[in-house]
Amino acid sequence: MRNQQGSSLLFSMLLVILFTAVISTLILHYESEKRFFKLASDQTYLDQLLIVASKEALIEMDRLGDSFETTVSDNSITIHVSAVIDGGNASIVVSVSKNPYAKEAIILYNVETKTILTWSERMQ
């Protein structure tokens, strides 16, 4: 009788350990998935921010008609814009960063016709 109670107790303990291991694995998996989607959403946010900042840089270039450089930063995001006019064309570099990511757009812009000649992006 005592041996049977010991076996039942051992079996119950093994079930509890197995249950705990499964739950722990599920929680770790959920946390890693959550982290992955957070990082993916951060990159999407940077993409959107880069497009908006680039459009604003083009508007500012048209408004000023001259070279300029500026940096805007808050707690977690930094946007840096550098625009240089050379002849009738302007080179505009827009960098957007949020740790651990940074993205950059390089734009060649014709100031006279107000058209984008080239646009390239890269992750840093």
PDB file of N, CA and C in Angstrom:
ATOM      1  N   MET A   1       0.829  -1.187   0.000  1.00  0.00           N
ATOM      2  CA  MET A   1       0.000   0.000   0.000  1.00  0.00           C
ATOM      3  C   MET A   1       0.876   1.255   0.000  1.00  0.00           C
ATOM      4  N   ARG A   2       1.914   1.197   0.833  1.00  0.00           N
ATOM      5  CA  ARG A   2       2.809   2.345   0.936  1.00  0.00           C
ATOM      6  C   ARG A   2       3.558   2.564  -0.372  1.00  0.00           C
ATOM      7  N   ASN A   3       3.927   1.490  -1.032  1.00  0.00           N
ATOM      8  CA  ASN A   3       4.648   1.564  -2.291  1.00  0.00           C
ATOM      9  C   ASN A   3       3.752   2.172  -3.380  1.00  0.00           C
ATOM     10  N   GLN A   4       2.441   1.820  -3.322  1.00  0.00           N
ATOM     11  CA  GLN A   4       1.506   2.344  -4.298  1.00  0.00           C
ATOM     12  C   GLN A   4       1.291   3.845  -4.091  1.00  0.00           C
ATOM     13  N   GLN A   5       1.255   4.321  -2.835  1.00  0.00           N
ATOM     14  CA  GLN A   5       1.109   5.748  -2.551  1.00  0.00           C
ATOM     15  C   GLN A   5       2.357   6.504  -3.004  1.00  0.00           C
ATOM     16  N   GLY A   6       3.529   5.894  -2.800  1.00  0.00           N
ATOM     17  CA  GLY A   6       4.776   6.507  -3.245  1.00  0.00           C
ATOM     18  C   GLY A   6       4.809   6.645  -4.763  1.00  0.00           C
ATOM     19  N   SER A   7       4.325   5.641  -5.465  1.00  0.00           N
ATOM     20  CA  SER A   7       4.286   5.692  -6.933  1.00  0.00           C
ATOM     21  C   SER A   7       3.316   6.773  -7.402  1.00  0.00           C
ATOM     22  N   SER A   8       2.153   6.870  -6.733  1.00  0.00           N
ATOM     23  CA  SER A   8       1.174   7.895  -7.098  1.00  0.00           C
ATOM     24  C   SER A   8       1.728   9.291  -6.859  1.00  0.00           C
ATOM     25  N   LEU A   9       2.429   9.473  -5.746  1.00  0.00           N
ATOM     26  CA  LEU A   9       3.026  10.763  -5.422  1.00  0.00           C
ATOM     27  C   LEU A   9       4.106  11.118  -6.440  1.00  0.00           C
ATOM     28  N   LEU A  10       4.941  10.142  -6.783  1.00  0.00           N
ATOM     29  CA  LEU A  10       5.996  10.358  -7.767  1.00  0.00           C
ATOM     30  C   LEU A  10       5.387  10.702  -9.131  1.00  0.00           C
ATOM     31  N   PHE A  11       4.340   9.987  -9.513  1.00  0.00           N
ATOM     32  CA  PHE A  11       3.666  10.250 -10.785  1.00  0.00           C
ATOM     33  C   PHE A  11       3.051  11.657 -10.788  1.00  0.00           C
ATOM     34  N   SER A  12       2.436  12.057  -9.691  1.00  0.00           N
ATOM     35  CA  SER A  12       1.845  13.398  -9.579  1.00  0.00           C
ATOM     36  C   SER A  12       2.920  14.480  -9.680  1.00  0.00           C
ATOM     37  N   MET A  13       4.048  14.235  -9.018  1.00  0.00           N
ATOM     38  CA  MET A  13       5.145  15.203  -9.069  1.00  0.00           C
ATOM     39  C   MET A  13       5.689  15.331 -10.493  1.00  0.00           C
ATOM     40  N   LEU A  14       5.811  14.203 -11.192  1.00  0.00           N
ATOM     41  CA  LEU A  14       6.284  14.237 -12.575  1.00  0.00           C
ATOM     42  C   LEU A  14       5.308  14.994 -13.477  1.00  0.00           C
ATOM     43  N   LEU A  15       4.003  14.818 -13.238  1.00  0.00           N
ATOM     44  CA  LEU A  15       3.016  15.560 -14.013  1.00  0.00           C
ATOM     45  C   LEU A  15       3.115  17.068 -13.756  1.00  0.00           C
ATOM     46  N   VAL A  16       3.321  17.445 -12.511  1.00  0.00           N
ATOM     47  CA  VAL A  16       3.464  18.866 -12.163  1.00  0.00           C
ATOM     48  C   VAL A  16       4.711  19.446 -12.830  1.00  0.00           C
ATOM     49  N   ILE A  17       5.821  18.704 -12.791  1.00  0.00           N
ATOM     50  CA  ILE A  17       7.058  19.162 -13.424  1.00  0.00           C
ATOM     51  C   ILE A  17       6.861  19.285 -14.937  1.00  0.00           C
ATOM     52  N   LEU A  18       6.234  18.310 -15.546  1.00  0.00           N
ATOM     53  CA  LEU A  18       5.984  18.343 -16.982  1.00  0.00           C
ATOM     54  C   LEU A  18       5.081  19.525 -17.337  1.00  0.00           C
ATOM     55  N   PHE A  19       4.013  19.725 -16.573  1.00  0.00           N
ATOM     56  CA  PHE A  19       3.104  20.842 -16.797  1.00  0.00           C
ATOM     57  C   PHE A  19       3.847  22.173 -16.688  1.00  0.00           C
ATOM     58  N   THR A  20       4.684  22.310 -15.657  1.00  0.00           N
ATOM     59  CA  THR A  20       5.467  23.529 -15.460  1.00  0.00           C
ATOM     60  C   THR A  20       6.416  23.760 -16.632  1.00  0.00           C
ATOM     61  N   ALA A  21       7.048  22.699 -17.112  1.00  0.00           N
ATOM     62  CA  ALA A  21       7.968  22.824 -18.248  1.00  0.00           C
ATOM     63  C   ALA A  21       7.233  23.269 -19.511  1.00  0.00           C
ATOM     64  N   VAL A  22       6.067  22.704 -19.748  1.00  0.00           N
ATOM     65  CA  VAL A  22       5.286  23.075 -20.931  1.00  0.00           C
ATOM     66  C   VAL A  22       4.844  24.535 -20.844  1.00  0.00           C
ATOM     67  N   ILE A  23       4.328  24.929 -19.698  1.00  0.00           N
ATOM     68  CA  ILE A  23       3.886  26.313 -19.520  1.00  0.00           C
ATOM     69  C   ILE A  23       5.063  27.275 -19.671  1.00  0.00           C
ATOM     70  N   SER A  24       6.213  26.946 -19.077  1.00  0.00           N
ATOM     71  CA  SER A  24       7.398  27.799 -19.194  1.00  0.00           C
ATOM     72  C   SER A  24       7.827  27.943 -20.648  1.00  0.00           C
ATOM     73  N   THR A  25       7.798  26.840 -21.382  1.00  0.00           N
ATOM     74  CA  THR A  25       8.157  26.872 -22.804  1.00  0.00           C
ATOM     75  C   THR A  25       7.193  27.749 -23.583  1.00  0.00           C
ATOM     76  N   LEU A  26       5.908  27.629 -23.310  1.00  0.00           N
ATOM     77  CA  LEU A  26       4.915  28.463 -23.994  1.00  0.00           C
ATOM     78  C   LEU A  26       5.114  29.944 -23.674  1.00  0.00           C
ATOM     79  N   ILE A  27       5.405  30.255 -22.432  1.00  0.00           N
ATOM     80  CA  ILE A  27       5.632  31.650 -22.045  1.00  0.00           C
ATOM     81  C   ILE A  27       6.875  32.195 -22.745  1.00  0.00           C
ATOM     82  N   LEU A  28       7.948  31.432 -22.762  1.00  0.00           N
ATOM     83  CA  LEU A  28       9.167  31.879 -23.446  1.00  0.00           C
ATOM     84  C   LEU A  28       8.919  32.074 -24.936  1.00  0.00           C
ATOM     85  N   HIS A  29       8.169  31.157 -25.534  1.00  0.00           N
ATOM     86  CA  HIS A  29       7.846  31.279 -26.948  1.00  0.00           C
ATOM     87  C   HIS A  29       7.014  32.541 -27.200  1.00  0.00           C
ATOM     88  N   TYR A  30       6.033  32.780 -26.356  1.00  0.00           N
ATOM     89  CA  TYR A  30       5.190  33.966 -26.483  1.00  0.00           C
ATOM     90  C   TYR A  30       6.025  35.236 -26.349  1.00  0.00           C
ATOM     91  N   GLU A  31       6.921  35.265 -25.365  1.00  0.00           N
ATOM     92  CA  GLU A  31       7.764  36.439 -25.155  1.00  0.00           C
ATOM     93  C   GLU A  31       8.670  36.690 -26.361  1.00  0.00           C
ATOM     94  N   SER A  32       9.237  35.626 -26.935  1.00  0.00           N
ATOM     95  CA  SER A  32      10.106  35.818 -28.096  1.00  0.00           C
ATOM     96  C   SER A  32       9.296  36.288 -29.304  1.00  0.00           C
ATOM     97  N   GLU A  33       8.080  35.754 -29.478  1.00  0.00           N
ATOM     98  CA  GLU A  33       7.214  36.207 -30.567  1.00  0.00           C
ATOM     99  C   GLU A  33       6.832  37.673 -30.367  1.00  0.00           C
ATOM    100  N   LYS A  34       6.502  38.032 -29.137  1.00  0.00           N
ATOM    101  CA  LYS A  34       6.125  39.406 -28.832  1.00  0.00           C
ATOM    102  C   LYS A  34       7.291  40.339 -29.141  1.00  0.00           C
ATOM    103  N   ARG A  35       8.499  39.940 -28.761  1.00  0.00           N
ATOM    104  CA  ARG A  35       9.694  40.733 -29.031  1.00  0.00           C
ATOM    105  C   ARG A  35       9.914  40.872 -30.536  1.00  0.00           C
ATOM    106  N   PHE A  36       9.720  39.766 -31.281  1.00  0.00           N
ATOM    107  CA  PHE A  36       9.894  39.801 -32.732  1.00  0.00           C
ATOM    108  C   PHE A  36       8.918  40.790 -33.365  1.00  0.00           C
ATOM    109  N   PHE A  37       7.641  40.722 -32.967  1.00  0.00           N
ATOM    110  CA  PHE A  37       6.659  41.621 -33.564  1.00  0.00           C
ATOM    111  C   PHE A  37       6.892  43.065 -33.138  1.00  0.00           C
ATOM    112  N   LYS A  38       7.395  43.280 -31.935  1.00  0.00           N
ATOM    113  CA  LYS A  38       7.729  44.643 -31.502  1.00  0.00           C
ATOM    114  C   LYS A  38       8.845  45.189 -32.371  1.00  0.00           C
ATOM    115  N   LEU A  39       9.890  44.373 -32.616  1.00  0.00           N
ATOM    116  CA  LEU A  39      10.994  44.820 -33.460  1.00  0.00           C
ATOM    117  C   LEU A  39      10.506  45.077 -34.877  1.00  0.00           C
ATOM    118  N   ALA A  40       9.649  44.214 -35.390  1.00  0.00           N
ATOM    119  CA  ALA A  40       9.108  44.404 -36.737  1.00  0.00           C
ATOM    120  C   ALA A  40       8.282  45.681 -36.801  1.00  0.00           C
ATOM    121  N   SER A  41       7.497  45.956 -35.759  1.00  0.00           N
ATOM    122  CA  SER A  41       6.697  47.177 -35.766  1.00  0.00           C
ATOM    123  C   SER A  41       7.584  48.406 -35.631  1.00  0.00           C
ATOM    124  N   ASP A  42       8.710  48.312 -34.904  1.00  0.00           N
ATOM    125  CA  ASP A  42       9.665  49.423 -34.826  1.00  0.00           C
ATOM    126  C   ASP A  42      10.243  49.723 -36.201  1.00  0.00           C
ATOM    127  N   GLN A  43      10.567  48.678 -36.970  1.00  0.00           N
ATOM    128  CA  GLN A  43      11.123  48.886 -38.309  1.00  0.00           C
ATOM    129  C   GLN A  43      10.068  49.506 -39.232  1.00  0.00           C
ATOM    130  N   THR A  44       8.834  49.070 -39.143  1.00  0.00           N
ATOM    131  CA  THR A  44       7.758  49.640 -39.949  1.00  0.00           C
ATOM    132  C   THR A  44       7.566  51.107 -39.598  1.00  0.00           C
ATOM    133  N   TYR A  45       7.613  51.408 -38.317  1.00  0.00           N
ATOM    134  CA  TYR A  45       7.487  52.790 -37.861  1.00  0.00           C
ATOM    135  C   TYR A  45       8.627  53.635 -38.420  1.00  0.00           C
ATOM    136  N   LEU A  46       9.860  53.104 -38.417  1.00  0.00           N
ATOM    137  CA  LEU A  46      10.990  53.836 -38.986  1.00  0.00           C
ATOM    138  C   LEU A  46      10.796  54.073 -40.475  1.00  0.00           C
ATOM    139  N   ASP A  47      10.274  53.079 -41.192  1.00  0.00           N
ATOM    140  CA  ASP A  47      10.006  53.245 -42.622  1.00  0.00           C
ATOM    141  C   ASP A  47       9.038  54.411 -42.855  1.00  0.00           C
ATOM    142  N   GLN A  48       7.968  54.441 -42.097  1.00  0.00           N
ATOM    143  CA  GLN A  48       6.982  55.501 -42.241  1.00  0.00           C
ATOM    144  C   GLN A  48       7.569  56.859 -41.872  1.00  0.00           C
ATOM    145  N   LEU A  49       8.334  56.889 -40.801  1.00  0.00           N
ATOM    146  CA  LEU A  49       8.964  58.126 -40.353  1.00  0.00           C
ATOM    147  C   LEU A  49       9.958  58.640 -41.385  1.00  0.00           C
ATOM    148  N   LEU A  50      10.687  57.738 -42.008  1.00  0.00           N
ATOM    149  CA  LEU A  50      11.662  58.111 -43.029  1.00  0.00           C
ATOM    150  C   LEU A  50      10.971  58.761 -44.226  1.00  0.00           C
ATOM    151  N   ILE A  51       9.850  58.213 -44.651  1.00  0.00           N
ATOM    152  CA  ILE A  51       9.110  58.783 -45.780  1.00  0.00           C
ATOM    153  C   ILE A  51       8.590  60.177 -45.442  1.00  0.00           C
ATOM    154  N   VAL A  52       7.999  60.322 -44.266  1.00  0.00           N
ATOM    155  CA  VAL A  52       7.463  61.627 -43.854  1.00  0.00           C
ATOM    156  C   VAL A  52       8.590  62.651 -43.713  1.00  0.00           C
ATOM    157  N   ALA A  53       9.687  62.270 -43.072  1.00  0.00           N
ATOM    158  CA  ALA A  53      10.812  63.196 -42.888  1.00  0.00           C
ATOM    159  C   ALA A  53      11.417  63.594 -44.231  1.00  0.00           C
ATOM    160  N   SER A  54      11.478  62.652 -45.165  1.00  0.00           N
ATOM    161  CA  SER A  54      12.021  62.954 -46.497  1.00  0.00           C
ATOM    162  C   SER A  54      11.123  63.940 -47.241  1.00  0.00           C
ATOM    163  N   LYS A  55       9.821  63.726 -47.166  1.00  0.00           N
ATOM    164  CA  LYS A  55       8.887  64.658 -47.813  1.00  0.00           C
ATOM    165  C   LYS A  55       9.009  66.051 -47.201  1.00  0.00           C
ATOM    166  N   GLU A  56       9.109  66.100 -45.886  1.00  0.00           N
ATOM    167  CA  GLU A  56       9.275  67.396 -45.217  1.00  0.00           C
ATOM    168  C   GLU A  56      10.590  68.059 -45.602  1.00  0.00           C
ATOM    169  N   ALA A  57      11.649  67.262 -45.778  1.00  0.00           N
ATOM    170  CA  ALA A  57      12.940  67.814 -46.205  1.00  0.00           C
ATOM    171  C   ALA A  57      12.835  68.426 -47.598  1.00  0.00           C
ATOM    172  N   LEU A  58      12.101  67.762 -48.492  1.00  0.00           N
ATOM    173  CA  LEU A  58      11.906  68.303 -49.843  1.00  0.00           C
ATOM    174  C   LEU A  58      11.107  69.609 -49.805  1.00  0.00           C
ATOM    175  N   ILE A  59      10.081  69.653 -48.977  1.00  0.00           N
ATOM    176  CA  ILE A  59       9.277  70.871 -48.829  1.00  0.00           C
ATOM    177  C   ILE A  59      10.149  72.006 -48.288  1.00  0.00           C
ATOM    178  N   GLU A  60      10.958  71.685 -47.279  1.00  0.00           N
ATOM    179  CA  GLU A  60      11.844  72.698 -46.688  1.00  0.00           C
ATOM    180  C   GLU A  60      12.886  73.173 -47.698  1.00  0.00           C
ATOM    181  N   MET A  61      13.406  72.259 -48.516  1.00  0.00           N
ATOM    182  CA  MET A  61      14.382  72.612 -49.555  1.00  0.00           C
ATOM    183  C   MET A  61      13.750  73.597 -50.537  1.00  0.00           C
ATOM    184  N   ASP A  62      12.517  73.320 -50.951  1.00  0.00           N
ATOM    185  CA  ASP A  62      11.816  74.235 -51.868  1.00  0.00           C
ATOM    186  C   ASP A  62      11.564  75.586 -51.212  1.00  0.00           C
ATOM    187  N   ARG A  63      11.181  75.566 -49.957  1.00  0.00           N
ATOM    188  CA  ARG A  63      10.860  76.805 -49.242  1.00  0.00           C
ATOM    189  C   ARG A  63      12.097  77.670 -49.051  1.00  0.00           C
ATOM    190  N   LEU A  64      13.199  77.053 -48.594  1.00  0.00           N
ATOM    191  CA  LEU A  64      14.426  77.816 -48.327  1.00  0.00           C
ATOM    192  C   LEU A  64      15.191  78.166 -49.608  1.00  0.00           C
ATOM    193  N   GLY A  65      15.227  77.214 -50.531  1.00  0.00           N
ATOM    194  CA  GLY A  65      16.015  77.411 -51.736  1.00  0.00           C
ATOM    195  C   GLY A  65      17.505  77.432 -51.451  1.00  0.00           C
ATOM    196  N   ASP A  66      17.903  76.849 -50.338  1.00  0.00           N
ATOM    197  CA  ASP A  66      19.308  76.859 -49.934  1.00  0.00           C
ATOM    198  C   ASP A  66      19.633  75.576 -49.164  1.00  0.00           C
ATOM    199  N   SER A  67      20.932  75.326 -48.984  1.00  0.00           N
ATOM    200  CA  SER A  67      21.373  74.165 -48.219  1.00  0.00           C
ATOM    201  C   SER A  67      20.993  74.328 -46.745  1.00  0.00           C
ATOM    202  N   PHE A  68      20.751  73.219 -46.081  1.00  0.00           N
ATOM    203  CA  PHE A  68      20.467  73.278 -44.651  1.00  0.00           C
ATOM    204  C   PHE A  68      20.793  71.940 -43.999  1.00  0.00           C
ATOM    205  N   GLU A  69      20.914  71.962 -42.677  1.00  0.00           N
ATOM    206  CA  GLU A  69      21.146  70.748 -41.894  1.00  0.00           C
ATOM    207  C   GLU A  69      20.434  70.919 -40.566  1.00  0.00           C
ATOM    208  N   THR A  70      19.774  69.868 -40.127  1.00  0.00           N
ATOM    209  CA  THR A  70      19.053  69.936 -38.864  1.00  0.00           C
ATOM    210  C   THR A  70      18.941  68.549 -38.234  1.00  0.00           C
ATOM    211  N   THR A  71      18.831  68.529 -36.922  1.00  0.00           N
ATOM    212  CA  THR A  71      18.628  67.286 -36.172  1.00  0.00           C
ATOM    213  C   THR A  71      17.501  67.499 -35.176  1.00  0.00           C
ATOM    214  N   VAL A  72      16.584  66.556 -35.152  1.00  0.00           N
ATOM    215  CA  VAL A  72      15.478  66.587 -34.198  1.00  0.00           C
ATOM    216  C   VAL A  72      15.547  65.296 -33.408  1.00  0.00           C
ATOM    217  N   SER A  73      15.405  65.401 -32.090  1.00  0.00           N
ATOM    218  CA  SER A  73      15.507  64.203 -31.264  1.00  0.00           C
ATOM    219  C   SER A  73      14.553  64.288 -30.092  1.00  0.00           C
ATOM    220  N   ASP A  74      13.994  63.137 -29.732  1.00  0.00           N
ATOM    221  CA  ASP A  74      13.255  63.048 -28.478  1.00  0.00           C
ATOM    222  C   ASP A  74      13.909  61.932 -27.672  1.00  0.00           C
ATOM    223  N   ASN A  75      13.199  61.324 -26.777  1.00  0.00           N
ATOM    224  CA  ASN A  75      13.800  60.308 -25.911  1.00  0.00           C
ATOM    225  C   ASN A  75      14.354  59.104 -26.655  1.00  0.00           C
ATOM    226  N   SER A  76      13.660  58.671 -27.716  1.00  0.00           N
ATOM    227  CA  SER A  76      14.080  57.428 -28.348  1.00  0.00           C
ATOM    228  C   SER A  76      14.325  57.524 -29.853  1.00  0.00           C
ATOM    229  N   ILE A  77      13.888  58.592 -30.486  1.00  0.00           N
ATOM    230  CA  ILE A  77      13.996  58.701 -31.944  1.00  0.00           C
ATOM    231  C   ILE A  77      14.802  59.938 -32.313  1.00  0.00           C
ATOM    232  N   THR A  78      15.707  59.771 -33.280  1.00  0.00           N
ATOM    233  CA  THR A  78      16.499  60.884 -33.792  1.00  0.00           C
ATOM    234  C   THR A  78      16.328  60.949 -35.300  1.00  0.00           C
ATOM    235  N   ILE A  79      16.065  62.158 -35.790  1.00  0.00           N
ATOM    236  CA  ILE A  79      15.964  62.392 -37.234  1.00  0.00           C
ATOM    237  C   ILE A  79      16.999  63.447 -37.589  1.00  0.00           C
ATOM    238  N   HIS A  80      17.840  63.112 -38.562  1.00  0.00           N
ATOM    239  CA  HIS A  80      18.869  64.051 -39.019  1.00  0.00           C
ATOM    240  C   HIS A  80      18.687  64.267 -40.519  1.00  0.00           C
ATOM    241  N   VAL A  81      18.656  65.534 -40.923  1.00  0.00           N
ATOM    242  CA  VAL A  81      18.498  65.877 -42.333  1.00  0.00           C
ATOM    243  C   VAL A  81      19.654  66.772 -42.746  1.00  0.00           C
ATOM    244  N   SER A  82      20.286  66.407 -43.843  1.00  0.00           N
ATOM    245  CA  SER A  82      21.355  67.215 -44.413  1.00  0.00           C
ATOM    246  C   SER A  82      21.045  67.400 -45.897  1.00  0.00           C
ATOM    247  N   ALA A  83      20.912  68.659 -46.338  1.00  0.00           N
ATOM    248  CA  ALA A  83      20.581  68.948 -47.726  1.00  0.00           C
ATOM    249  C   ALA A  83      21.582  69.946 -48.279  1.00  0.00           C
ATOM    250  N   VAL A  84      22.190  69.599 -49.409  1.00  0.00           N
ATOM    251  CA  VAL A  84      23.204  70.452 -50.031  1.00  0.00           C
ATOM    252  C   VAL A  84      22.828  70.682 -51.489  1.00  0.00           C
ATOM    253  N   ILE A  85      22.735  71.971 -51.864  1.00  0.00           N
ATOM    254  CA  ILE A  85      22.448  72.318 -53.255  1.00  0.00           C
ATOM    255  C   ILE A  85      23.770  72.532 -53.985  1.00  0.00           C
ATOM    256  N   ASP A  86      23.878  71.864 -55.149  1.00  0.00           N
ATOM    257  CA  ASP A  86      25.061  72.019 -55.989  1.00  0.00           C
ATOM    258  C   ASP A  86      24.575  72.221 -57.414  1.00  0.00           C
ATOM    259  N   GLY A  87      24.623  73.463 -57.877  1.00  0.00           N
ATOM    260  CA  GLY A  87      24.076  73.778 -59.196  1.00  0.00           C
ATOM    261  C   GLY A  87      22.560  73.710 -59.134  1.00  0.00           C
ATOM    262  N   GLY A  88      21.952  72.961 -60.052  1.00  0.00           N
ATOM    263  CA  GLY A  88      20.499  72.844 -60.071  1.00  0.00           C
ATOM    264  C   GLY A  88      19.991  71.622 -59.323  1.00  0.00           C
ATOM    265  N   ASN A  89      20.921  70.822 -58.772  1.00  0.00           N
ATOM    266  CA  ASN A  89      20.525  69.607 -58.059  1.00  0.00           C
ATOM    267  C   ASN A  89      20.838  69.714 -56.576  1.00  0.00           C
ATOM    268  N   ALA A  90      20.095  68.969 -55.801  1.00  0.00           N
ATOM    269  CA  ALA A  90      20.322  68.925 -54.358  1.00  0.00           C
ATOM    270  C   ALA A  90      20.504  67.478 -53.929  1.00  0.00           C
ATOM    271  N   SER A  91      21.439  67.259 -53.039  1.00  0.00           N
ATOM    272  CA  SER A  91      21.608  65.957 -52.396  1.00  0.00           C
ATOM    273  C   SER A  91      21.023  66.068 -51.003  1.00  0.00           C
ATOM    274  N   ILE A  92      20.092  65.194 -50.708  1.00  0.00           N
ATOM    275  CA  ILE A  92      19.433  65.224 -49.399  1.00  0.00           C
ATOM    276  C   ILE A  92      19.630  63.863 -48.744  1.00  0.00           C
ATOM    277  N   VAL A  93      20.148  63.881 -47.516  1.00  0.00           N
ATOM    278  CA  VAL A  93      20.319  62.649 -46.749  1.00  0.00           C
ATOM    279  C   VAL A  93      19.450  62.776 -45.505  1.00  0.00           C
ATOM    280  N   VAL A  94      18.530  61.825 -45.352  1.00  0.00           N
ATOM    281  CA  VAL A  94      17.630  61.806 -44.199  1.00  0.00           C
ATOM    282  C   VAL A  94      17.909  60.526 -43.419  1.00  0.00           C
ATOM    283  N   SER A  95      18.282  60.674 -42.156  1.00  0.00           N
ATOM    284  CA  SER A  95      18.548  59.518 -41.289  1.00  0.00           C
ATOM    285  C   SER A  95      17.535  59.499 -40.163  1.00  0.00           C
ATOM    286  N   VAL A  96      16.970  58.328 -39.930  1.00  0.00           N
ATOM    287  CA  VAL A  96      16.020  58.131 -38.837  1.00  0.00           C
ATOM    288  C   VAL A  96      16.542  56.973 -38.004  1.00  0.00           C
ATOM    289  N   SER A  97      16.643  57.176 -36.693  1.00  0.00           N
ATOM    290  CA  SER A  97      17.149  56.086 -35.858  1.00  0.00           C
ATOM    291  C   SER A  97      16.348  55.956 -34.574  1.00  0.00           C
ATOM    292  N   LYS A  98      16.169  54.714 -34.204  1.00  0.00           N
ATOM    293  CA  LYS A  98      15.562  54.343 -32.925  1.00  0.00           C
ATOM    294  C   LYS A  98      16.282  53.070 -32.526  1.00  0.00           C
ATOM    295  N   ASN A  99      16.982  53.112 -31.429  1.00  0.00           N
ATOM    296  CA  ASN A  99      17.799  51.958 -31.041  1.00  0.00           C
ATOM    297  C   ASN A  99      16.979  50.691 -31.070  1.00  0.00           C
ATOM    298  N   PRO A 100      17.468  49.655 -31.663  1.00  0.00           N
ATOM    299  CA  PRO A 100      18.800  49.414 -32.232  1.00  0.00           C
ATOM    300  C   PRO A 100      18.845  49.614 -33.744  1.00  0.00           C
ATOM    301  N   TYR A 101      17.860  50.299 -34.331  1.00  0.00           N
ATOM    302  CA  TYR A 101      17.773  50.416 -35.779  1.00  0.00           C
ATOM    303  C   TYR A 101      18.072  51.827 -36.250  1.00  0.00           C
ATOM    304  N   ALA A 102      18.560  51.910 -37.478  1.00  0.00           N
ATOM    305  CA  ALA A 102      18.724  53.194 -38.150  1.00  0.00           C
ATOM    306  C   ALA A 102      18.470  52.966 -39.630  1.00  0.00           C
ATOM    307  N   LYS A 103      17.822  53.919 -40.241  1.00  0.00           N
ATOM    308  CA  LYS A 103      17.516  53.816 -41.656  1.00  0.00           C
ATOM    309  C   LYS A 103      17.839  55.158 -42.293  1.00  0.00           C
ATOM    310  N   GLU A 104      18.268  55.120 -43.546  1.00  0.00           N
ATOM    311  CA  GLU A 104      18.703  56.334 -44.208  1.00  0.00           C
ATOM    312  C   GLU A 104      18.153  56.375 -45.634  1.00  0.00           C
ATOM    313  N   ALA A 105      17.735  57.559 -46.050  1.00  0.00           N
ATOM    314  CA  ALA A 105      17.306  57.779 -47.438  1.00  0.00           C
ATOM    315  C   ALA A 105      18.251  58.795 -48.055  1.00  0.00           C
ATOM    316  N   ILE A 106      18.685  58.504 -49.271  1.00  0.00           N
ATOM    317  CA  ILE A 106      19.547  59.417 -50.009  1.00  0.00           C
ATOM    318  C   ILE A 106      18.763  59.819 -51.259  1.00  0.00           C
ATOM    319  N   ILE A 107      18.543  61.122 -51.390  1.00  0.00           N
ATOM    320  CA  ILE A 107      17.685  61.634 -52.457  1.00  0.00           C
ATOM    321  C   ILE A 107      18.476  62.620 -53.312  1.00  0.00           C
ATOM    322  N   LEU A 108      18.427  62.441 -54.614  1.00  0.00           N
ATOM    323  CA  LEU A 108      18.969  63.414 -55.553  1.00  0.00           C
ATOM    324  C   LEU A 108      17.765  64.130 -56.140  1.00  0.00           C
ATOM    325  N   TYR A 109      17.728  65.452 -55.981  1.00  0.00           N
ATOM    326  CA  TYR A 109      16.536  66.247 -56.274  1.00  0.00           C
ATOM    327  C   TYR A 109      16.900  67.400 -57.196  1.00  0.00           C
ATOM    328  N   ASN A 110      16.128  67.587 -58.258  1.00  0.00           N
ATOM    329  CA  ASN A 110      16.348  68.724 -59.146  1.00  0.00           C
ATOM    330  C   ASN A 110      15.546  69.899 -58.601  1.00  0.00           C
ATOM    331  N   VAL A 111      16.254  70.958 -58.212  1.00  0.00           N
ATOM    332  CA  VAL A 111      15.621  72.097 -57.557  1.00  0.00           C
ATOM    333  C   VAL A 111      14.768  72.902 -58.539  1.00  0.00           C
ATOM    334  N   GLU A 112      15.220  73.015 -59.772  1.00  0.00           N
ATOM    335  CA  GLU A 112      14.510  73.841 -60.751  1.00  0.00           C
ATOM    336  C   GLU A 112      13.193  73.209 -61.182  1.00  0.00           C
ATOM    337  N   THR A 113      13.216  71.905 -61.477  1.00  0.00           N
ATOM    338  CA  THR A 113      11.986  71.232 -61.932  1.00  0.00           C
ATOM    339  C   THR A 113      11.187  70.622 -60.781  1.00  0.00           C
ATOM    340  N   LYS A 114      11.789  70.648 -59.594  1.00  0.00           N
ATOM    341  CA  LYS A 114      11.155  70.094 -58.379  1.00  0.00           C
ATOM    342  C   LYS A 114      10.774  68.620 -58.560  1.00  0.00           C
ATOM    343  N   THR A 115      11.740  67.839 -59.075  1.00  0.00           N
ATOM    344  CA  THR A 115      11.508  66.413 -59.272  1.00  0.00           C
ATOM    345  C   THR A 115      12.601  65.604 -58.586  1.00  0.00           C
ATOM    346  N   ILE A 116      12.212  64.449 -58.109  1.00  0.00           N
ATOM    347  CA  ILE A 116      13.168  63.519 -57.504  1.00  0.00           C
ATOM    348  C   ILE A 116      13.825  62.737 -58.636  1.00  0.00           C
ATOM    349  N   LEU A 117      15.149  62.813 -58.709  1.00  0.00           N
ATOM    350  CA  LEU A 117      15.888  62.090 -59.733  1.00  0.00           C
ATOM    351  C   LEU A 117      16.187  60.663 -59.294  1.00  0.00           C
ATOM    352  N   THR A 118      16.648  60.514 -58.066  1.00  0.00           N
ATOM    353  CA  THR A 118      16.872  59.173 -57.503  1.00  0.00           C
ATOM    354  C   THR A 118      16.502  59.177 -56.026  1.00  0.00           C
ATOM    355  N   TRP A 119      16.131  58.002 -55.557  1.00  0.00           N
ATOM    356  CA  TRP A 119      15.789  57.807 -54.145  1.00  0.00           C
ATOM    357  C   TRP A 119      16.300  56.422 -53.773  1.00  0.00           C
ATOM    358  N   SER A 120      17.157  56.353 -52.790  1.00  0.00           N
ATOM    359  CA  SER A 120      17.613  55.039 -52.321  1.00  0.00           C
ATOM    360  C   SER A 120      17.558  55.017 -50.802  1.00  0.00           C
ATOM    361  N   GLU A 121      17.322  53.824 -50.278  1.00  0.00           N
ATOM    362  CA  GLU A 121      17.248  53.634 -48.831  1.00  0.00           C
ATOM    363  C   GLU A 121      18.206  52.535 -48.414  1.00  0.00           C
ATOM    364  N   ARG A 122      18.663  52.635 -47.177  1.00  0.00           N
ATOM    365  CA  ARG A 122      19.499  51.567 -46.630  1.00  0.00           C
ATOM    366  C   ARG A 122      19.359  51.532 -45.113  1.00  0.00           C
ATOM    367  N   MET A 123      19.513  50.319 -44.601  1.00  0.00           N
ATOM    368  CA  MET A 123      19.545  50.131 -43.144  1.00  0.00           C
ATOM    369  C   MET A 123      20.980  50.377 -42.696  1.00  0.00           C
ATOM    370  N   GLN A 124      21.129  50.940 -41.528  1.00  0.00           N
ATOM    371  CA  GLN A 124      22.472  51.167 -41.005  1.00  0.00           C
ATOM    372  C   GLN A 124      22.721  50.256 -39.845  1.00  0.00           C
TER     373      GLN A 124
END
